[in-house]
Amino acid sequence: MIQQIYPQVIHPFRYELNKDMQIAAAHFIPHEAAGQCANMHGHTYFINITVAGDELDDSGFLINFQQLKKLIHNRFDHTVMNDHKDVFSDTAAEHFPTTEVVARKIAEIVQEHLDTLPNKPTCVQVFVRESPTSYVVYRPKAGKQ
């Protein structure tokens, strides 16, 4: 795993947890403006998920690191992102699997799970690097995804 410093998000919470993971996945962007990215191609995505909160659960976790890996890595690693029709769409631009949308969808998936936890942590940032020179940071607005 690449060791790097991620952009920090300012938040009012006492605890902040960061989980790094790699996902090898293919995708294509079904739009004429995508250029060569309209063709199927792959990336080794480097992902950092930032979860924050004020309360720990009964085991002393904000969230167990393994749960984040199950939610994201186990779902998307070694897949074609476009095949996840429950997440991405070939007909609506705001749902094409661009790096921006991948980051937003990861945040939404994580927050959906966090909302089920009694300690109610929050996903405050998702960082997705798709190449050595290109990355996206997604931060949900307060009260919204």
N, C-alpha and C. Protein backbone atom coordinates (compact mmCIF):
# COMPACT_ATOMS: atom_id res chain seq x y z
N MET A 1 0.84 -1.18 0.00
CA MET A 1 0.00 0.00 0.00
C MET A 1 0.88 1.24 0.00
N ILE A 2 0.51 2.17 -0.80
CA ILE A 2 1.23 3.44 -0.85
C ILE A 2 1.02 4.19 0.47
N GLN A 3 2.09 4.68 1.04
CA GLN A 3 1.97 5.47 2.25
C GLN A 3 1.90 6.93 1.84
N GLN A 4 0.86 7.60 2.23
CA GLN A 4 0.74 8.99 1.84
C GLN A 4 -0.10 9.75 2.84
N ILE A 5 0.03 11.04 2.80
CA ILE A 5 -0.78 11.92 3.63
C ILE A 5 -1.98 12.34 2.78
N TYR A 6 -3.16 12.25 3.34
CA TYR A 6 -4.38 12.61 2.63
C TYR A 6 -4.83 14.01 3.04
N PRO A 7 -5.56 14.68 2.16
CA PRO A 7 -6.12 15.97 2.56
C PRO A 7 -6.98 15.78 3.81
N GLN A 8 -6.88 16.71 4.73
CA GLN A 8 -7.65 16.59 5.97
C GLN A 8 -8.96 17.33 5.86
N VAL A 9 -9.96 16.76 6.48
CA VAL A 9 -11.26 17.41 6.56
C VAL A 9 -11.43 17.91 8.00
N ILE A 10 -11.87 19.14 8.11
CA ILE A 10 -12.13 19.71 9.43
C ILE A 10 -13.52 19.24 9.88
N HIS A 11 -13.60 18.71 11.08
CA HIS A 11 -14.88 18.25 11.61
C HIS A 11 -14.89 18.45 13.12
N PRO A 12 -16.07 18.40 13.73
CA PRO A 12 -16.17 18.67 15.17
C PRO A 12 -16.06 17.42 16.06
N PHE A 13 -15.77 16.25 15.47
CA PHE A 13 -15.81 15.00 16.23
C PHE A 13 -14.53 14.74 17.01
N ARG A 14 -14.64 13.94 18.07
CA ARG A 14 -13.49 13.60 18.91
C ARG A 14 -12.60 12.54 18.30
N TYR A 15 -13.21 11.60 17.57
CA TYR A 15 -12.45 10.49 16.99
C TYR A 15 -12.49 10.57 15.48
N GLU A 16 -11.36 10.18 14.88
CA GLU A 16 -11.29 10.06 13.42
C GLU A 16 -10.56 8.78 13.09
N LEU A 17 -11.15 7.98 12.23
CA LEU A 17 -10.58 6.71 11.80
C LEU A 17 -10.35 6.80 10.29
N ASN A 18 -9.21 6.30 9.83
CA ASN A 18 -8.92 6.26 8.40
C ASN A 18 -8.58 4.84 7.99
N LYS A 19 -9.21 4.37 6.93
CA LYS A 19 -8.96 3.02 6.40
C LYS A 19 -8.50 3.15 4.97
N ASP A 20 -7.30 2.62 4.69
CA ASP A 20 -6.76 2.56 3.34
C ASP A 20 -7.06 1.19 2.75
N MET A 21 -7.28 1.16 1.44
CA MET A 21 -7.42 -0.11 0.73
C MET A 21 -7.10 0.09 -0.75
N GLN A 22 -6.80 -0.98 -1.41
CA GLN A 22 -6.58 -1.00 -2.85
C GLN A 22 -7.67 -1.84 -3.49
N ILE A 23 -8.13 -1.38 -4.64
CA ILE A 23 -9.11 -2.13 -5.42
C ILE A 23 -8.64 -2.16 -6.87
N ALA A 24 -8.51 -3.35 -7.41
CA ALA A 24 -8.22 -3.50 -8.84
C ALA A 24 -9.56 -3.69 -9.54
N ALA A 25 -9.91 -2.74 -10.41
CA ALA A 25 -11.22 -2.81 -11.06
C ALA A 25 -11.15 -2.16 -12.43
N ALA A 26 -12.05 -2.60 -13.29
CA ALA A 26 -12.18 -2.02 -14.63
C ALA A 26 -13.44 -1.18 -14.68
N HIS A 27 -13.47 -0.27 -15.64
CA HIS A 27 -14.68 0.52 -15.88
C HIS A 27 -14.59 1.17 -17.24
N PHE A 28 -15.68 1.78 -17.65
CA PHE A 28 -15.72 2.63 -18.83
C PHE A 28 -16.76 3.70 -18.58
N ILE A 29 -16.59 4.82 -19.25
CA ILE A 29 -17.51 5.94 -19.09
C ILE A 29 -18.32 6.05 -20.38
N PRO A 30 -19.61 5.67 -20.35
CA PRO A 30 -20.41 5.62 -21.57
C PRO A 30 -20.91 7.00 -22.02
N HIS A 31 -19.96 7.85 -22.43
CA HIS A 31 -20.30 9.19 -22.89
C HIS A 31 -19.26 9.63 -23.92
N GLU A 32 -19.71 10.32 -24.96
CA GLU A 32 -18.78 10.72 -26.03
C GLU A 32 -17.69 11.67 -25.52
N ALA A 33 -17.94 12.44 -24.50
CA ALA A 33 -16.94 13.36 -23.97
C ALA A 33 -15.84 12.64 -23.18
N ALA A 34 -16.01 11.35 -22.91
CA ALA A 34 -15.03 10.60 -22.13
C ALA A 34 -13.77 10.25 -22.92
N GLY A 35 -13.79 10.44 -24.23
CA GLY A 35 -12.62 10.11 -25.04
C GLY A 35 -12.24 8.66 -24.89
N GLN A 36 -10.94 8.39 -24.67
CA GLN A 36 -10.48 7.01 -24.53
C GLN A 36 -11.09 6.30 -23.33
N CYS A 37 -11.54 7.05 -22.35
CA CYS A 37 -12.15 6.44 -21.16
C CYS A 37 -13.52 5.83 -21.45
N ALA A 38 -14.02 6.03 -22.67
CA ALA A 38 -15.25 5.35 -23.07
C ALA A 38 -14.98 3.86 -23.33
N ASN A 39 -13.72 3.51 -23.52
CA ASN A 39 -13.32 2.12 -23.70
C ASN A 39 -13.06 1.48 -22.34
N MET A 40 -13.32 0.19 -22.25
CA MET A 40 -13.04 -0.55 -21.02
C MET A 40 -11.55 -0.44 -20.70
N HIS A 41 -11.24 -0.09 -19.46
CA HIS A 41 -9.86 -0.03 -18.99
C HIS A 41 -9.87 -0.24 -17.48
N GLY A 42 -8.70 -0.45 -16.92
CA GLY A 42 -8.65 -0.75 -15.49
C GLY A 42 -7.73 0.16 -14.72
N HIS A 43 -7.92 0.16 -13.41
CA HIS A 43 -7.11 0.94 -12.48
C HIS A 43 -6.85 0.09 -11.24
N THR A 44 -5.77 0.41 -10.56
CA THR A 44 -5.62 -0.01 -9.18
C THR A 44 -5.95 1.22 -8.36
N TYR A 45 -7.17 1.25 -7.86
CA TYR A 45 -7.62 2.39 -7.08
C TYR A 45 -7.02 2.32 -5.68
N PHE A 46 -6.50 3.43 -5.20
CA PHE A 46 -6.08 3.56 -3.81
C PHE A 46 -7.15 4.39 -3.13
N ILE A 47 -7.75 3.83 -2.09
CA ILE A 47 -8.90 4.45 -1.45
C ILE A 47 -8.59 4.69 0.02
N ASN A 48 -8.98 5.86 0.50
CA ASN A 48 -8.92 6.15 1.93
C ASN A 48 -10.30 6.61 2.36
N ILE A 49 -10.84 5.97 3.37
CA ILE A 49 -12.16 6.31 3.92
C ILE A 49 -11.94 6.90 5.31
N THR A 50 -12.51 8.09 5.53
CA THR A 50 -12.40 8.75 6.83
C THR A 50 -13.76 8.73 7.52
N VAL A 51 -13.79 8.13 8.70
CA VAL A 51 -15.01 8.06 9.52
C VAL A 51 -14.71 8.79 10.82
N ALA A 52 -15.67 9.58 11.27
CA ALA A 52 -15.49 10.34 12.51
C ALA A 52 -16.72 10.19 13.39
N GLY A 53 -16.54 10.43 14.67
CA GLY A 53 -17.66 10.36 15.60
C GLY A 53 -17.22 10.70 17.00
N ASP A 54 -18.19 10.83 17.88
CA ASP A 54 -17.92 11.17 19.27
C ASP A 54 -17.97 9.97 20.20
N GLU A 55 -18.67 8.92 19.79
CA GLU A 55 -18.89 7.77 20.66
C GLU A 55 -18.31 6.50 20.05
N LEU A 56 -17.73 5.65 20.91
CA LEU A 56 -17.24 4.35 20.49
C LEU A 56 -18.31 3.31 20.77
N ASP A 57 -18.24 2.18 20.05
CA ASP A 57 -19.22 1.12 20.29
C ASP A 57 -18.82 0.31 21.52
N ASP A 58 -19.57 -0.75 21.80
CA ASP A 58 -19.33 -1.56 23.01
C ASP A 58 -17.97 -2.23 23.02
N SER A 59 -17.36 -2.40 21.84
CA SER A 59 -16.05 -3.04 21.77
C SER A 59 -14.91 -2.02 21.72
N GLY A 60 -15.25 -0.73 21.80
CA GLY A 60 -14.22 0.31 21.79
C GLY A 60 -13.86 0.82 20.41
N PHE A 61 -14.65 0.45 19.40
CA PHE A 61 -14.40 0.89 18.03
C PHE A 61 -15.34 2.02 17.64
N LEU A 62 -14.86 2.90 16.78
CA LEU A 62 -15.74 3.81 16.06
C LEU A 62 -16.49 2.97 15.03
N ILE A 63 -15.73 2.20 14.26
CA ILE A 63 -16.21 1.11 13.40
C ILE A 63 -15.02 0.18 13.24
N ASN A 64 -15.26 -1.09 13.14
CA ASN A 64 -14.19 -2.06 12.94
C ASN A 64 -13.63 -1.89 11.53
N PHE A 65 -12.31 -1.78 11.40
CA PHE A 65 -11.66 -1.64 10.10
C PHE A 65 -12.10 -2.74 9.13
N GLN A 66 -12.25 -3.96 9.66
CA GLN A 66 -12.63 -5.09 8.81
C GLN A 66 -14.00 -4.88 8.17
N GLN A 67 -14.90 -4.20 8.86
CA GLN A 67 -16.23 -3.96 8.31
C GLN A 67 -16.15 -3.04 7.09
N LEU A 68 -15.30 -2.03 7.15
CA LEU A 68 -15.13 -1.14 5.99
C LEU A 68 -14.57 -1.91 4.80
N LYS A 69 -13.62 -2.81 5.07
CA LYS A 69 -13.05 -3.61 3.99
C LYS A 69 -14.12 -4.50 3.37
N LYS A 70 -14.97 -5.11 4.19
CA LYS A 70 -16.04 -5.96 3.66
C LYS A 70 -17.01 -5.15 2.81
N LEU A 71 -17.35 -3.96 3.27
CA LEU A 71 -18.32 -3.12 2.56
C LEU A 71 -17.83 -2.69 1.17
N ILE A 72 -16.55 -2.37 1.06
CA ILE A 72 -16.03 -1.77 -0.17
C ILE A 72 -15.11 -2.72 -0.94
N HIS A 73 -14.02 -3.15 -0.32
CA HIS A 73 -13.05 -3.99 -1.02
C HIS A 73 -13.70 -5.28 -1.51
N ASN A 74 -14.38 -5.97 -0.63
CA ASN A 74 -14.97 -7.26 -1.01
C ASN A 74 -16.03 -7.11 -2.09
N ARG A 75 -16.65 -5.96 -2.16
CA ARG A 75 -17.71 -5.73 -3.14
C ARG A 75 -17.16 -5.38 -4.53
N PHE A 76 -16.10 -4.56 -4.59
CA PHE A 76 -15.65 -4.01 -5.87
C PHE A 76 -14.33 -4.56 -6.41
N ASP A 77 -13.50 -5.17 -5.56
CA ASP A 77 -12.19 -5.63 -6.04
C ASP A 77 -12.34 -6.71 -7.11
N HIS A 78 -11.56 -6.57 -8.17
CA HIS A 78 -11.54 -7.50 -9.29
C HIS A 78 -12.92 -7.63 -9.96
N THR A 79 -13.56 -6.50 -10.15
CA THR A 79 -14.84 -6.47 -10.85
C THR A 79 -14.81 -5.38 -11.91
N VAL A 80 -15.86 -5.35 -12.72
CA VAL A 80 -16.10 -4.25 -13.64
C VAL A 80 -17.11 -3.35 -12.95
N MET A 81 -16.72 -2.13 -12.65
CA MET A 81 -17.59 -1.22 -11.90
C MET A 81 -18.96 -1.07 -12.57
N ASN A 82 -18.98 -0.99 -13.88
CA ASN A 82 -20.25 -0.80 -14.61
C ASN A 82 -21.21 -1.96 -14.38
N ASP A 83 -20.71 -3.13 -14.00
CA ASP A 83 -21.57 -4.29 -13.77
C ASP A 83 -22.37 -4.18 -12.47
N HIS A 84 -22.01 -3.24 -11.61
CA HIS A 84 -22.73 -3.03 -10.35
C HIS A 84 -23.90 -2.09 -10.63
N LYS A 85 -24.93 -2.63 -11.26
CA LYS A 85 -26.08 -1.81 -11.69
C LYS A 85 -26.84 -1.21 -10.52
N ASP A 86 -26.70 -1.79 -9.33
CA ASP A 86 -27.34 -1.21 -8.15
C ASP A 86 -26.63 0.05 -7.68
N VAL A 87 -25.42 0.30 -8.21
CA VAL A 87 -24.63 1.45 -7.80
C VAL A 87 -24.40 2.43 -8.95
N PHE A 88 -24.04 1.89 -10.11
CA PHE A 88 -23.68 2.72 -11.26
C PHE A 88 -24.68 2.50 -12.40
N SER A 89 -24.79 3.50 -13.27
CA SER A 89 -25.75 3.45 -14.36
C SER A 89 -25.06 3.79 -15.67
N ASP A 90 -25.56 3.23 -16.77
CA ASP A 90 -25.06 3.56 -18.11
C ASP A 90 -25.90 4.65 -18.76
N THR A 91 -26.90 5.17 -18.04
CA THR A 91 -27.80 6.13 -18.67
C THR A 91 -27.83 7.49 -17.99
N ALA A 92 -27.36 7.61 -16.78
CA ALA A 92 -27.41 8.88 -16.06
C ALA A 92 -25.99 9.33 -15.70
N ALA A 93 -25.57 10.47 -16.22
CA ALA A 93 -24.19 10.93 -16.03
C ALA A 93 -23.78 10.99 -14.57
N GLU A 94 -24.68 11.38 -13.67
CA GLU A 94 -24.30 11.48 -12.26
C GLU A 94 -24.09 10.11 -11.62
N HIS A 95 -24.31 9.04 -12.41
CA HIS A 95 -24.10 7.68 -11.91
C HIS A 95 -23.09 6.88 -12.76
N PHE A 96 -22.43 7.52 -13.75
CA PHE A 96 -21.36 6.83 -14.48
C PHE A 96 -20.22 6.58 -13.48
N PRO A 97 -19.47 5.49 -13.63
CA PRO A 97 -18.40 5.20 -12.67
C PRO A 97 -17.12 6.02 -12.91
N THR A 98 -17.27 7.35 -12.93
CA THR A 98 -16.10 8.22 -12.93
C THR A 98 -15.47 8.15 -11.54
N THR A 99 -14.27 8.64 -11.41
CA THR A 99 -13.63 8.62 -10.09
C THR A 99 -14.42 9.46 -9.10
N GLU A 100 -15.00 10.57 -9.57
CA GLU A 100 -15.82 11.40 -8.69
C GLU A 100 -17.02 10.63 -8.16
N VAL A 101 -17.69 9.93 -9.06
CA VAL A 101 -18.88 9.17 -8.67
C VAL A 101 -18.50 7.96 -7.82
N VAL A 102 -17.39 7.30 -8.14
CA VAL A 102 -16.92 6.18 -7.31
C VAL A 102 -16.70 6.66 -5.87
N ALA A 103 -16.06 7.80 -5.71
CA ALA A 103 -15.83 8.33 -4.36
C ALA A 103 -17.15 8.61 -3.65
N ARG A 104 -18.10 9.25 -4.36
CA ARG A 104 -19.39 9.56 -3.74
C ARG A 104 -20.16 8.29 -3.37
N LYS A 105 -20.16 7.30 -4.27
CA LYS A 105 -20.89 6.06 -4.01
C LYS A 105 -20.30 5.30 -2.83
N ILE A 106 -18.96 5.30 -2.73
CA ILE A 106 -18.33 4.66 -1.57
C ILE A 106 -18.78 5.34 -0.29
N ALA A 107 -18.81 6.66 -0.29
CA ALA A 107 -19.27 7.40 0.89
C ALA A 107 -20.71 7.04 1.23
N GLU A 108 -21.56 6.93 0.22
CA GLU A 108 -22.96 6.59 0.45
C GLU A 108 -23.12 5.19 1.01
N ILE A 109 -22.37 4.23 0.46
CA ILE A 109 -22.43 2.85 0.95
C ILE A 109 -21.97 2.77 2.40
N VAL A 110 -20.86 3.44 2.70
CA VAL A 110 -20.33 3.43 4.06
C VAL A 110 -21.32 4.10 5.01
N GLN A 111 -21.86 5.27 4.63
CA GLN A 111 -22.78 5.97 5.53
C GLN A 111 -24.06 5.18 5.76
N GLU A 112 -24.54 4.49 4.74
CA GLU A 112 -25.74 3.66 4.92
C GLU A 112 -25.50 2.63 6.03
N HIS A 113 -24.31 2.03 6.05
CA HIS A 113 -23.99 1.08 7.11
C HIS A 113 -23.81 1.79 8.46
N LEU A 114 -23.11 2.90 8.46
CA LEU A 114 -22.87 3.63 9.71
C LEU A 114 -24.18 4.04 10.37
N ASP A 115 -25.18 4.35 9.56
CA ASP A 115 -26.48 4.77 10.10
C ASP A 115 -27.16 3.65 10.90
N THR A 116 -26.73 2.41 10.71
CA THR A 116 -27.32 1.29 11.46
C THR A 116 -26.64 1.07 12.81
N LEU A 117 -25.53 1.74 13.05
CA LEU A 117 -24.76 1.53 14.27
C LEU A 117 -25.28 2.42 15.40
N PRO A 118 -25.30 1.89 16.62
CA PRO A 118 -25.84 2.67 17.74
C PRO A 118 -25.01 3.91 18.07
N ASN A 119 -23.71 3.90 17.78
CA ASN A 119 -22.86 5.06 18.10
C ASN A 119 -22.87 6.13 17.00
N LYS A 120 -23.53 5.85 15.88
CA LYS A 120 -23.80 6.82 14.80
C LYS A 120 -22.57 7.59 14.30
N PRO A 121 -21.49 6.89 13.88
CA PRO A 121 -20.37 7.62 13.28
C PRO A 121 -20.76 8.18 11.91
N THR A 122 -19.91 9.01 11.35
CA THR A 122 -20.18 9.69 10.09
C THR A 122 -19.01 9.52 9.14
N CYS A 123 -19.30 9.23 7.89
CA CYS A 123 -18.27 9.21 6.85
C CYS A 123 -18.05 10.66 6.43
N VAL A 124 -16.89 11.21 6.74
CA VAL A 124 -16.64 12.62 6.46
C VAL A 124 -15.81 12.86 5.21
N GLN A 125 -15.15 11.81 4.70
CA GLN A 125 -14.33 11.99 3.50
C GLN A 125 -14.02 10.65 2.87
N VAL A 126 -14.00 10.64 1.53
CA VAL A 126 -13.50 9.50 0.78
C VAL A 126 -12.52 10.04 -0.25
N PHE A 127 -11.32 9.48 -0.24
CA PHE A 127 -10.24 9.84 -1.17
C PHE A 127 -10.07 8.66 -2.11
N VAL A 128 -10.10 8.90 -3.42
CA VAL A 128 -9.89 7.84 -4.41
C VAL A 128 -8.83 8.29 -5.40
N ARG A 129 -7.71 7.56 -5.42
CA ARG A 129 -6.65 7.82 -6.41
C ARG A 129 -6.79 6.75 -7.49
N GLU A 130 -6.94 7.18 -8.75
CA GLU A 130 -7.07 6.22 -9.83
C GLU A 130 -5.77 6.04 -10.60
N SER A 131 -4.83 6.97 -10.44
CA SER A 131 -3.53 6.85 -11.09
C SER A 131 -2.53 7.62 -10.25
N PRO A 132 -1.24 7.49 -10.55
CA PRO A 132 -0.25 8.23 -9.75
C PRO A 132 -0.44 9.74 -9.79
N THR A 133 -1.13 10.26 -10.80
CA THR A 133 -1.25 11.71 -10.94
C THR A 133 -2.68 12.24 -10.81
N SER A 134 -3.65 11.37 -10.54
CA SER A 134 -5.05 11.81 -10.52
C SER A 134 -5.80 11.22 -9.33
N TYR A 135 -6.46 12.10 -8.58
CA TYR A 135 -7.29 11.63 -7.47
C TYR A 135 -8.46 12.57 -7.27
N VAL A 136 -9.45 12.07 -6.51
CA VAL A 136 -10.65 12.82 -6.16
C VAL A 136 -10.85 12.72 -4.65
N VAL A 137 -11.29 13.80 -4.05
CA VAL A 137 -11.71 13.80 -2.66
C VAL A 137 -13.20 14.14 -2.64
N TYR A 138 -13.99 13.31 -1.97
CA TYR A 138 -15.42 13.57 -1.82
C TYR A 138 -15.72 13.77 -0.35
N ARG A 139 -16.39 14.89 -0.04
CA ARG A 139 -16.82 15.18 1.33
C ARG A 139 -18.31 15.48 1.31
N PRO A 140 -19.11 14.62 1.95
CA PRO A 140 -20.54 14.91 2.02
C PRO A 140 -20.79 16.22 2.74
N LYS A 141 -21.77 16.97 2.26
CA LYS A 141 -22.15 18.19 2.97
C LYS A 141 -22.86 17.80 4.26
N ALA A 142 -22.73 18.61 5.26
CA ALA A 142 -23.38 18.32 6.55
C ALA A 142 -24.86 18.10 6.36
N GLY A 143 -25.33 16.96 6.88
CA GLY A 143 -26.75 16.65 6.77
C GLY A 143 -27.18 16.06 5.45
N LYS A 144 -26.25 15.90 4.51
CA LYS A 144 -26.56 15.35 3.19
C LYS A 144 -25.50 14.35 2.79
N GLN A 145 -25.81 13.55 1.79
CA GLN A 145 -24.81 12.67 1.16
C GLN A 145 -24.46 13.22 -0.18
